Amino acid sequence: MKKAFPFLALLTAALLSFALYQAMVVAPTEKTMGDVQRIFYYHVPSAWTAFLFFLINLIASIVYLIRRNLEWDAVAVASAEVGVVFCTVVLVTGPLWARPVWGIWWTWDIRLTSTLVLWLIYVSYLILRRFSTGGQTPVLAAALAIFGALDVPLVYFSIWFFRTQHPQPVIGGGGAIDPRMLRVLLINWLAFLCFGALVFWARYRLEVLQREAEEAEALEALLEPKGASQ
């Protein structure tokens, strides 16, 4: 994977460029909203990608609590970071889309509020991992991750069961989408998934190497006094 990473990065960059071309040029212009609707090709794939990485974080956190394997804890950290990045894109592109369409940047309806809460939970998770040095930090973080994952279904299904300002789903929710738009949407999602996977792998490897370095430093500190006394 290490040797293949530059090649995969180039392929991902090419795919992202192709997806951008599809979203900005090839996709048809929406009749009601016009070109501002093209944010859809970034807003929705970012949300789906964030949900996927939060799911990975949930699975890794549960496995860590069962096995206490630090590699799974590293997976949890890396996936949470990538998920937060994509969730941030969702929260930024949402208001940019809403302002010209709704006439407002933000409204405290169930979909938007639950998404913000989800972001705050996982930001809190990362803050806990960054600034807490106690031995129980991974356990507390795993518990927080499991709690945060409970908000993901609420975010997704909120527009199915509640009346919200947010549009109803066009896929699987009784709505309709132009097949050309759906194709472009899926291309962009694939590009986001590839990009997210690359960032996740790089961050995971960095986390593992950092922990190995910390363990080596701790071991050296334990052995140093013994060597000095000799």
C-alpha atoms as a PDB file:
ATOM      1  CA  MET A   1       0.000   0.000   0.000  1.00  0.00           C
ATOM      2  CA  LYS A   2       2.872   2.394   0.799  1.00  0.00           C
ATOM      3  CA  LYS A   3       4.386   2.048  -2.688  1.00  0.00           C
ATOM      4  CA  ALA A   4       0.979   2.209  -4.363  1.00  0.00           C
ATOM      5  CA  PHE A   5      -0.141   5.298  -2.448  1.00  0.00           C
ATOM      6  CA  PRO A   6       1.260   7.912  -4.925  1.00  0.00           C
ATOM      7  CA  PHE A   7      -0.333   6.071  -7.853  1.00  0.00           C
ATOM      8  CA  LEU A   8      -3.670   5.820  -6.045  1.00  0.00           C
ATOM      9  CA  ALA A   9      -3.437   9.492  -5.117  1.00  0.00           C
ATOM     10  CA  LEU A  10      -2.989  10.424  -8.795  1.00  0.00           C
ATOM     11  CA  LEU A  11      -5.959   8.265  -9.774  1.00  0.00           C
ATOM     12  CA  THR A  12      -8.062   9.887  -7.057  1.00  0.00           C
ATOM     13  CA  ALA A  13      -7.047  13.370  -8.203  1.00  0.00           C
ATOM     14  CA  ALA A  14      -8.029  12.453 -11.766  1.00  0.00           C
ATOM     15  CA  LEU A  15     -11.351  11.063 -10.538  1.00  0.00           C
ATOM     16  CA  LEU A  16     -12.046  14.210  -8.501  1.00  0.00           C
ATOM     17  CA  SER A  17     -11.303  16.353 -11.554  1.00  0.00           C
ATOM     18  CA  PHE A  18     -13.583  14.221 -13.715  1.00  0.00           C
ATOM     19  CA  ALA A  19     -16.320  14.430 -11.081  1.00  0.00           C
ATOM     20  CA  LEU A  20     -15.954  18.222 -10.969  1.00  0.00           C
ATOM     21  CA  TYR A  21     -16.337  18.394 -14.748  1.00  0.00           C
ATOM     22  CA  GLN A  22     -19.415  16.178 -14.574  1.00  0.00           C
ATOM     23  CA  ALA A  23     -21.005  18.310 -11.840  1.00  0.00           C
ATOM     24  CA  MET A  24     -20.268  21.702 -13.385  1.00  0.00           C
ATOM     25  CA  VAL A  25     -20.596  20.987 -17.109  1.00  0.00           C
ATOM     26  CA  VAL A  26     -22.250  17.678 -17.938  1.00  0.00           C
ATOM     27  CA  ALA A  27     -25.061  17.579 -15.360  1.00  0.00           C
ATOM     28  CA  PRO A  28     -28.229  19.322 -16.571  1.00  0.00           C
ATOM     29  CA  THR A  29     -29.258  22.595 -14.976  1.00  0.00           C
ATOM     30  CA  GLU A  30     -32.124  22.201 -12.511  1.00  0.00           C
ATOM     31  CA  LYS A  31     -35.180  24.120 -13.757  1.00  0.00           C
ATOM     32  CA  THR A  32     -36.248  25.689 -10.447  1.00  0.00           C
ATOM     33  CA  MET A  33     -32.997  26.422  -8.605  1.00  0.00           C
ATOM     34  CA  GLY A  34     -30.660  26.880 -11.540  1.00  0.00           C
ATOM     35  CA  ASP A  35     -26.909  26.446 -11.210  1.00  0.00           C
ATOM     36  CA  VAL A  36     -26.912  26.766  -7.412  1.00  0.00           C
ATOM     37  CA  GLN A  37     -28.375  23.259  -7.328  1.00  0.00           C
ATOM     38  CA  ARG A  38     -24.975  21.940  -8.437  1.00  0.00           C
ATOM     39  CA  ILE A  39     -23.913  22.174  -4.781  1.00  0.00           C
ATOM     40  CA  PHE A  40     -26.068  19.054  -4.485  1.00  0.00           C
ATOM     41  CA  TYR A  41     -23.222  17.021  -6.042  1.00  0.00           C
ATOM     42  CA  TYR A  42     -20.961  17.936  -3.133  1.00  0.00           C
ATOM     43  CA  HIS A  43     -23.422  18.329  -0.280  1.00  0.00           C
ATOM     44  CA  VAL A  44     -25.044  14.898  -0.567  1.00  0.00           C
ATOM     45  CA  PRO A  45     -21.889  12.792  -1.248  1.00  0.00           C
ATOM     46  CA  SER A  46     -20.173  14.541   1.673  1.00  0.00           C
ATOM     47  CA  ALA A  47     -23.039  13.526   3.972  1.00  0.00           C
ATOM     48  CA  TRP A  48     -23.004   9.922   2.759  1.00  0.00           C
ATOM     49  CA  THR A  49     -19.233   9.717   3.146  1.00  0.00           C
ATOM     50  CA  ALA A  50     -19.366  11.207   6.646  1.00  0.00           C
ATOM     51  CA  PHE A  51     -22.007   8.650   7.662  1.00  0.00           C
ATOM     52  CA  LEU A  52     -19.840   5.824   6.312  1.00  0.00           C
ATOM     53  CA  PHE A  53     -16.774   6.892   8.292  1.00  0.00           C
ATOM     54  CA  PHE A  54     -18.848   7.401  11.438  1.00  0.00           C
ATOM     55  CA  LEU A  55     -20.083   3.832  10.948  1.00  0.00           C
ATOM     56  CA  ILE A  56     -16.460   2.647  10.680  1.00  0.00           C
ATOM     57  CA  ASN A  57     -15.712   4.583  13.861  1.00  0.00           C
ATOM     58  CA  LEU A  58     -18.644   2.871  15.614  1.00  0.00           C
ATOM     59  CA  ILE A  59     -17.522  -0.613  14.574  1.00  0.00           C
ATOM     60  CA  ALA A  60     -13.898   0.067  15.517  1.00  0.00           C
ATOM     61  CA  SER A  61     -14.941   1.490  18.892  1.00  0.00           C
ATOM     62  CA  ILE A  62     -17.078  -1.548  19.716  1.00  0.00           C
ATOM     63  CA  VAL A  63     -14.325  -3.962  18.672  1.00  0.00           C
ATOM     64  CA  TYR A  64     -11.813  -2.001  20.753  1.00  0.00           C
ATOM     65  CA  LEU A  65     -14.024  -2.220  23.850  1.00  0.00           C
ATOM     66  CA  ILE A  66     -14.265  -5.984  23.351  1.00  0.00           C
ATOM     67  CA  ARG A  67     -10.653  -6.792  22.437  1.00  0.00           C
ATOM     68  CA  ARG A  68      -8.747  -3.742  23.733  1.00  0.00           C
ATOM     69  CA  ASN A  69      -6.699  -3.851  20.544  1.00  0.00           C
ATOM     70  CA  LEU A  70      -4.899  -0.531  19.964  1.00  0.00           C
ATOM     71  CA  GLU A  71      -4.969  -0.960  16.189  1.00  0.00           C
ATOM     72  CA  TRP A  72      -8.754  -0.809  16.265  1.00  0.00           C
ATOM     73  CA  ASP A  73      -8.495   2.279  18.431  1.00  0.00           C
ATOM     74  CA  ALA A  74      -6.287   3.845  15.749  1.00  0.00           C
ATOM     75  CA  VAL A  75      -8.916   2.964  13.151  1.00  0.00           C
ATOM     76  CA  ALA A  76     -11.526   4.682  15.314  1.00  0.00           C
ATOM     77  CA  VAL A  77      -9.467   7.864  15.615  1.00  0.00           C
ATOM     78  CA  ALA A  78      -8.652   8.071  11.905  1.00  0.00           C
ATOM     79  CA  SER A  79     -12.218   7.396  10.776  1.00  0.00           C
ATOM     80  CA  ALA A  80     -13.621   9.977  13.199  1.00  0.00           C
ATOM     81  CA  GLU A  81     -11.271  12.639  11.851  1.00  0.00           C
ATOM     82  CA  VAL A  82     -12.212  11.928   8.236  1.00  0.00           C
ATOM     83  CA  GLY A  83     -15.896  11.826   9.157  1.00  0.00           C
ATOM     84  CA  VAL A  84     -15.676  15.215  10.850  1.00  0.00           C
ATOM     85  CA  VAL A  85     -14.018  16.715   7.756  1.00  0.00           C
ATOM     86  CA  PHE A  86     -16.822  15.550   5.489  1.00  0.00           C
ATOM     87  CA  CYS A  87     -19.496  16.526   8.007  1.00  0.00           C
ATOM     88  CA  THR A  88     -17.949  20.011   8.063  1.00  0.00           C
ATOM     89  CA  VAL A  89     -18.319  20.154   4.272  1.00  0.00           C
ATOM     90  CA  VAL A  90     -21.997  19.278   4.734  1.00  0.00           C
ATOM     91  CA  LEU A  91     -22.517  22.093   7.237  1.00  0.00           C
ATOM     92  CA  VAL A  92     -20.737  24.596   4.981  1.00  0.00           C
ATOM     93  CA  THR A  93     -22.371  23.662   1.667  1.00  0.00           C
ATOM     94  CA  GLY A  94     -25.830  23.421   3.236  1.00  0.00           C
ATOM     95  CA  PRO A  95     -26.164  27.137   4.091  1.00  0.00           C
ATOM     96  CA  LEU A  96     -24.511  28.113   0.779  1.00  0.00           C
ATOM     97  CA  TRP A  97     -27.270  26.191  -0.975  1.00  0.00           C
ATOM     98  CA  ALA A  98     -30.032  27.319   1.392  1.00  0.00           C
ATOM     99  CA  ARG A  99     -29.429  31.072   1.195  1.00  0.00           C
ATOM    100  CA  PRO A 100     -30.423  31.579  -2.469  1.00  0.00           C
ATOM    101  CA  VAL A 101     -33.125  28.884  -2.373  1.00  0.00           C
ATOM    102  CA  TRP A 102     -34.792  29.396   1.035  1.00  0.00           C
ATOM    103  CA  GLY A 103     -33.768  32.996   1.567  1.00  0.00           C
ATOM    104  CA  ILE A 104     -32.087  32.096   4.876  1.00  0.00           C
ATOM    105  CA  TRP A 105     -28.714  30.664   5.835  1.00  0.00           C
ATOM    106  CA  TRP A 106     -29.964  28.415   8.636  1.00  0.00           C
ATOM    107  CA  THR A 107     -33.106  27.227  10.353  1.00  0.00           C
ATOM    108  CA  TRP A 108     -33.345  25.155  13.503  1.00  0.00           C
ATOM    109  CA  ASP A 109     -35.315  22.267  12.054  1.00  0.00           C
ATOM    110  CA  ILE A 110     -34.720  18.642  12.995  1.00  0.00           C
ATOM    111  CA  ARG A 111     -32.428  17.719  10.067  1.00  0.00           C
ATOM    112  CA  LEU A 112     -30.105  20.702  10.365  1.00  0.00           C
ATOM    113  CA  THR A 113     -30.029  20.708  14.155  1.00  0.00           C
ATOM    114  CA  SER A 114     -29.354  16.969  14.445  1.00  0.00           C
ATOM    115  CA  THR A 115     -26.535  17.283  11.891  1.00  0.00           C
ATOM    116  CA  LEU A 116     -24.946  20.088  13.902  1.00  0.00           C
ATOM    117  CA  VAL A 117     -25.279  18.005  17.078  1.00  0.00           C
ATOM    118  CA  LEU A 118     -23.632  15.066  15.292  1.00  0.00           C
ATOM    119  CA  TRP A 119     -20.720  17.288  14.284  1.00  0.00           C
ATOM    120  CA  LEU A 120     -20.367  18.652  17.820  1.00  0.00           C
ATOM    121  CA  ILE A 121     -20.331  15.137  19.300  1.00  0.00           C
ATOM    122  CA  TYR A 122     -17.509  13.973  17.065  1.00  0.00           C
ATOM    123  CA  VAL A 123     -15.562  17.209  17.486  1.00  0.00           C
ATOM    124  CA  SER A 124     -15.850  16.574  21.232  1.00  0.00           C
ATOM    125  CA  TYR A 125     -14.578  13.056  20.585  1.00  0.00           C
ATOM    126  CA  LEU A 126     -11.502  14.428  18.824  1.00  0.00           C
ATOM    127  CA  ILE A 127     -10.905  17.021  21.540  1.00  0.00           C
ATOM    128  CA  LEU A 128     -11.060  14.258  24.145  1.00  0.00           C
ATOM    129  CA  ARG A 129      -8.529  12.205  22.189  1.00  0.00           C
ATOM    130  CA  ARG A 130      -6.248  15.192  21.692  1.00  0.00           C
ATOM    131  CA  PHE A 131      -6.116  16.713  25.162  1.00  0.00           C
ATOM    132  CA  SER A 132      -6.823  13.832  27.552  1.00  0.00           C
ATOM    133  CA  THR A 133      -3.788  11.759  28.509  1.00  0.00           C
ATOM    134  CA  GLY A 134      -5.367   9.361  30.986  1.00  0.00           C
ATOM    135  CA  GLY A 135      -5.149   5.633  30.538  1.00  0.00           C
ATOM    136  CA  GLN A 136      -8.924   5.375  30.216  1.00  0.00           C
ATOM    137  CA  THR A 137      -9.130   7.904  27.377  1.00  0.00           C
ATOM    138  CA  PRO A 138      -9.615   5.304  24.607  1.00  0.00           C
ATOM    139  CA  VAL A 139     -12.412   3.661  26.609  1.00  0.00           C
ATOM    140  CA  LEU A 140     -14.171   6.971  27.262  1.00  0.00           C
ATOM    141  CA  ALA A 141     -13.744   7.973  23.639  1.00  0.00           C
ATOM    142  CA  ALA A 142     -15.185   4.653  22.439  1.00  0.00           C
ATOM    143  CA  ALA A 143     -18.229   5.146  24.680  1.00  0.00           C
ATOM    144  CA  LEU A 144     -18.682   8.673  23.325  1.00  0.00           C
ATOM    145  CA  ALA A 145     -18.386   7.374  19.756  1.00  0.00           C
ATOM    146  CA  ILE A 146     -21.117   4.804  20.356  1.00  0.00           C
ATOM    147  CA  PHE A 147     -23.328   7.526  21.813  1.00  0.00           C
ATOM    148  CA  GLY A 148     -22.614   9.811  18.848  1.00  0.00           C
ATOM    149  CA  ALA A 149     -23.436   7.097  16.335  1.00  0.00           C
ATOM    150  CA  LEU A 150     -26.989   7.012  17.700  1.00  0.00           C
ATOM    151  CA  ASP A 151     -27.508  10.446  16.155  1.00  0.00           C
ATOM    152  CA  VAL A 152     -26.701   9.228  12.619  1.00  0.00           C
ATOM    153  CA  PRO A 153     -30.062   7.435  12.091  1.00  0.00           C
ATOM    154  CA  LEU A 154     -31.855  10.493  13.494  1.00  0.00           C
ATOM    155  CA  VAL A 155     -30.117  12.720  10.950  1.00  0.00           C
ATOM    156  CA  TYR A 156     -30.895  10.383   8.071  1.00  0.00           C
ATOM    157  CA  PHE A 157     -34.508   9.552   8.892  1.00  0.00           C
ATOM    158  CA  SER A 158     -35.513  12.959  10.280  1.00  0.00           C
ATOM    159  CA  ILE A 159     -36.930  14.168   6.972  1.00  0.00           C
ATOM    160  CA  TRP A 160     -38.900  10.938   6.615  1.00  0.00           C
ATOM    161  CA  PHE A 161     -40.800  11.266   9.891  1.00  0.00           C
ATOM    162  CA  PHE A 162     -40.825  15.007  10.626  1.00  0.00           C
ATOM    163  CA  ARG A 163     -41.919  18.048   8.684  1.00  0.00           C
ATOM    164  CA  THR A 164     -38.745  20.010   8.025  1.00  0.00           C
ATOM    165  CA  GLN A 165     -37.459  22.848   5.891  1.00  0.00           C
ATOM    166  CA  HIS A 166     -35.028  20.394   4.318  1.00  0.00           C
ATOM    167  CA  PRO A 167     -36.181  18.829   1.018  1.00  0.00           C
ATOM    168  CA  GLN A 168     -37.495  15.283   1.054  1.00  0.00           C
ATOM    169  CA  PRO A 169     -35.121  12.574  -0.216  1.00  0.00           C
ATOM    170  CA  VAL A 170     -35.091  12.076  -3.973  1.00  0.00           C
ATOM    171  CA  ILE A 171     -33.647   8.561  -3.651  1.00  0.00           C
ATOM    172  CA  GLY A 172     -35.744   5.958  -1.851  1.00  0.00           C
ATOM    173  CA  GLY A 173     -38.162   8.536  -0.500  1.00  0.00           C
ATOM    174  CA  GLY A 174     -40.792   8.666  -3.194  1.00  0.00           C
ATOM    175  CA  GLY A 175     -39.088  11.502  -5.040  1.00  0.00           C
ATOM    176  CA  ALA A 176     -37.561  11.533  -8.498  1.00  0.00           C
ATOM    177  CA  ILE A 177     -34.206  12.487  -9.931  1.00  0.00           C
ATOM    178  CA  ASP A 178     -33.050  12.873 -13.511  1.00  0.00           C
ATOM    179  CA  PRO A 179     -30.972   9.784 -14.429  1.00  0.00           C
ATOM    180  CA  ARG A 180     -28.186  12.092 -15.649  1.00  0.00           C
ATOM    181  CA  MET A 181     -28.128  13.844 -12.274  1.00  0.00           C
ATOM    182  CA  LEU A 182     -28.079  10.505 -10.462  1.00  0.00           C
ATOM    183  CA  ARG A 183     -25.108   9.345 -12.539  1.00  0.00           C
ATOM    184  CA  VAL A 184     -23.151  12.510 -11.738  1.00  0.00           C
ATOM    185  CA  LEU A 185     -24.104  12.217  -8.072  1.00  0.00           C
ATOM    186  CA  LEU A 186     -22.744   8.660  -7.896  1.00  0.00           C
ATOM    187  CA  ILE A 187     -19.548   9.636  -9.736  1.00  0.00           C
ATOM    188  CA  ASN A 188     -18.915  12.387  -7.194  1.00  0.00           C
ATOM    189  CA  TRP A 189     -19.656  10.031  -4.326  1.00  0.00           C
ATOM    190  CA  LEU A 190     -17.150   7.537  -5.708  1.00  0.00           C
ATOM    191  CA  ALA A 191     -14.557  10.315  -5.962  1.00  0.00           C
ATOM    192  CA  PHE A 192     -15.241  11.408  -2.379  1.00  0.00           C
ATOM    193  CA  LEU A 193     -15.007   7.820  -1.153  1.00  0.00           C
ATOM    194  CA  CYS A 194     -11.625   7.343  -2.841  1.00  0.00           C
ATOM    195  CA  PHE A 195     -10.344  10.620  -1.426  1.00  0.00           C
ATOM    196  CA  GLY A 196     -11.669   9.787   2.045  1.00  0.00           C
ATOM    197  CA  ALA A 197     -10.115   6.320   1.915  1.00  0.00           C
ATOM    198  CA  LEU A 198      -6.704   7.751   1.022  1.00  0.00           C
ATOM    199  CA  VAL A 199      -6.842  10.330   3.810  1.00  0.00           C
ATOM    200  CA  PHE A 200      -8.049   7.679   6.239  1.00  0.00           C
ATOM    201  CA  TRP A 201      -5.187   5.309   5.361  1.00  0.00           C
ATOM    202  CA  ALA A 202      -2.590   8.053   5.680  1.00  0.00           C
ATOM    203  CA  ARG A 203      -4.006   9.181   9.012  1.00  0.00           C
ATOM    204  CA  TYR A 204      -4.220   5.604  10.299  1.00  0.00           C
ATOM    205  CA  ARG A 205      -0.584   4.904   9.424  1.00  0.00           C
ATOM    206  CA  LEU A 206       0.472   8.166  11.071  1.00  0.00           C
ATOM    207  CA  GLU A 207      -1.451   7.249  14.222  1.00  0.00           C
ATOM    208  CA  VAL A 208       0.173   3.802  14.376  1.00  0.00           C
ATOM    209  CA  LEU A 209       3.666   5.230  13.830  1.00  0.00           C
ATOM    210  CA  GLN A 210       3.075   7.894  16.465  1.00  0.00           C
ATOM    211  CA  ARG A 211       2.026   5.287  19.008  1.00  0.00           C
ATOM    212  CA  GLU A 212       5.012   3.111  18.193  1.00  0.00           C
ATOM    213  CA  ALA A 213       7.304   6.107  18.698  1.00  0.00           C
ATOM    214  CA  GLU A 214       5.657   6.915  22.033  1.00  0.00           C
ATOM    215  CA  GLU A 215       6.052   3.305  23.183  1.00  0.00           C
ATOM    216  CA  ALA A 216       9.719   3.330  22.152  1.00  0.00           C
ATOM    217  CA  GLU A 217      10.305   6.566  24.070  1.00  0.00           C
ATOM    218  CA  ALA A 218       8.571   5.157  27.142  1.00  0.00           C
ATOM    219  CA  LEU A 219      10.637   1.969  26.977  1.00  0.00           C
ATOM    220  CA  GLU A 220      13.831   3.971  26.553  1.00  0.00           C
ATOM    221  CA  ALA A 221      12.934   6.099  29.559  1.00  0.00           C
ATOM    222  CA  LEU A 222      12.452   2.955  31.649  1.00  0.00           C
ATOM    223  CA  LEU A 223      15.758   1.446  30.577  1.00  0.00           C
ATOM    224  CA  GLU A 224      17.834   4.614  30.819  1.00  0.00           C
ATOM    225  CA  PRO A 225      18.207   4.754  34.640  1.00  0.00           C
ATOM    226  CA  LYS A 226      19.209   1.101  34.716  1.00  0.00           C
ATOM    227  CA  GLY A 227      21.898   1.659  32.117  1.00  0.00           C
ATOM    228  CA  ALA A 228      23.166   4.760  33.905  1.00  0.00           C
ATOM    229  CA  SER A 229      23.592   2.864  37.215  1.00  0.00           C
ATOM    230  CA  GLN A 230      25.782   0.309  35.517  1.00  0.00           C
END
